[in-house]
């Protein structure tokens, strides 16, 4: 079983990606991160309020 798993390994050595495409991808990633961080902040805030209210008294 282990010999078969080693035969299926793939090693990526290079990715051809134009600079403009990479910049576009990074800009989309940054824009998508804004609402994700906002939702995560709201979730953590609500969770901390729940925990604080349950154990503080």
C-alpha atoms as a PDB file:
ATOM      1  CA  UNK A   1       0.000   0.000   0.000  1.00  0.00           C
ATOM      2  CA  UNK A   2       2.774   2.455   0.909  1.00  0.00           C
ATOM      3  CA  UNK A   3       4.732   1.755  -2.299  1.00  0.00           C
ATOM      4  CA  UNK A   4       1.656   2.600  -4.372  1.00  0.00           C
ATOM      5  CA  UNK A   5       1.180   5.908  -2.549  1.00  0.00           C
ATOM      6  CA  UNK A   6       4.755   6.996  -3.271  1.00  0.00           C
ATOM      7  CA  UNK A   7       4.345   6.344  -6.997  1.00  0.00           C
ATOM      8  CA  UNK A   8       1.492   8.862  -7.183  1.00  0.00           C
ATOM      9  CA  UNK A   9       3.444  11.847  -5.812  1.00  0.00           C
ATOM     10  CA  UNK A  10       3.501  15.042  -7.848  1.00  0.00           C
ATOM     11  CA  UNK A  11       6.052  17.815  -7.326  1.00  0.00           C
ATOM     12  CA  UNK A  12       5.226  21.221  -8.791  1.00  0.00           C
ATOM     13  CA  UNK A  13       8.385  23.106  -9.713  1.00  0.00           C
ATOM     14  CA  UNK A  14       7.076  26.097 -11.674  1.00  0.00           C
ATOM     15  CA  UNK A  15       3.842  27.939 -12.398  1.00  0.00           C
ATOM     16  CA  UNK A  16       3.644  30.238 -15.410  1.00  0.00           C
ATOM     17  CA  UNK A  17       1.417  33.115 -14.362  1.00  0.00           C
ATOM     18  CA  UNK A  18       1.521  36.566 -15.945  1.00  0.00           C
ATOM     19  CA  UNK A  19       2.003  39.491 -13.576  1.00  0.00           C
ATOM     20  CA  UNK A  20      -1.297  41.131 -14.546  1.00  0.00           C
ATOM     21  CA  UNK A  21      -3.246  37.964 -13.814  1.00  0.00           C
ATOM     22  CA  UNK A  22      -1.543  37.604 -10.451  1.00  0.00           C
ATOM     23  CA  UNK A  23      -2.313  41.225  -9.527  1.00  0.00           C
ATOM     24  CA  UNK A  24      -5.960  40.765 -10.537  1.00  0.00           C
ATOM     25  CA  UNK A  25      -6.195  37.616  -8.431  1.00  0.00           C
ATOM     26  CA  UNK A  26      -4.645  39.317  -5.404  1.00  0.00           C
ATOM     27  CA  UNK A  27      -7.012  42.311  -5.724  1.00  0.00           C
ATOM     28  CA  UNK A  28     -10.033  39.989  -5.874  1.00  0.00           C
ATOM     29  CA  UNK A  29      -8.686  38.124  -2.856  1.00  0.00           C
ATOM     30  CA  UNK A  30      -8.305  41.364  -0.898  1.00  0.00           C
ATOM     31  CA  UNK A  31     -11.831  42.524  -1.795  1.00  0.00           C
ATOM     32  CA  UNK A  32     -13.302  39.135  -0.854  1.00  0.00           C
ATOM     33  CA  UNK A  33     -11.477  39.202   2.481  1.00  0.00           C
ATOM     34  CA  UNK A  34     -13.273  42.367   3.645  1.00  0.00           C
ATOM     35  CA  UNK A  35     -16.754  40.850   4.188  1.00  0.00           C
ATOM     36  CA  UNK A  36     -15.173  37.626   5.449  1.00  0.00           C
ATOM     37  CA  UNK A  37     -13.314  39.504   8.183  1.00  0.00           C
ATOM     38  CA  UNK A  38     -16.450  41.475   9.035  1.00  0.00           C
ATOM     39  CA  UNK A  39     -18.505  38.290   9.427  1.00  0.00           C
ATOM     40  CA  UNK A  40     -15.772  36.646  11.463  1.00  0.00           C
ATOM     41  CA  UNK A  41     -15.575  39.687  13.746  1.00  0.00           C
ATOM     42  CA  UNK A  42     -19.345  39.644  14.304  1.00  0.00           C
ATOM     43  CA  UNK A  43     -19.272  35.911  15.034  1.00  0.00           C
ATOM     44  CA  UNK A  44     -16.439  36.252  17.558  1.00  0.00           C
ATOM     45  CA  UNK A  45     -18.161  39.225  19.209  1.00  0.00           C
ATOM     46  CA  UNK A  46     -21.457  37.326  19.563  1.00  0.00           C
ATOM     47  CA  UNK A  47     -19.668  34.231  20.852  1.00  0.00           C
ATOM     48  CA  UNK A  48     -17.740  36.256  23.427  1.00  0.00           C
ATOM     49  CA  UNK A  49     -20.946  37.949  24.577  1.00  0.00           C
ATOM     50  CA  UNK A  50     -22.559  34.537  25.017  1.00  0.00           C
ATOM     51  CA  UNK A  51     -19.613  33.153  26.968  1.00  0.00           C
ATOM     52  CA  UNK A  52     -19.305  36.293  29.100  1.00  0.00           C
ATOM     53  CA  UNK A  53     -23.010  36.319  29.933  1.00  0.00           C
ATOM     54  CA  UNK A  54     -23.037  32.612  30.842  1.00  0.00           C
ATOM     55  CA  UNK A  55     -20.034  32.677  33.182  1.00  0.00           C
ATOM     56  CA  UNK A  56     -20.034  36.190  34.601  1.00  0.00           C
ATOM     57  CA  UNK A  57     -23.327  36.015  36.359  1.00  0.00           C
END
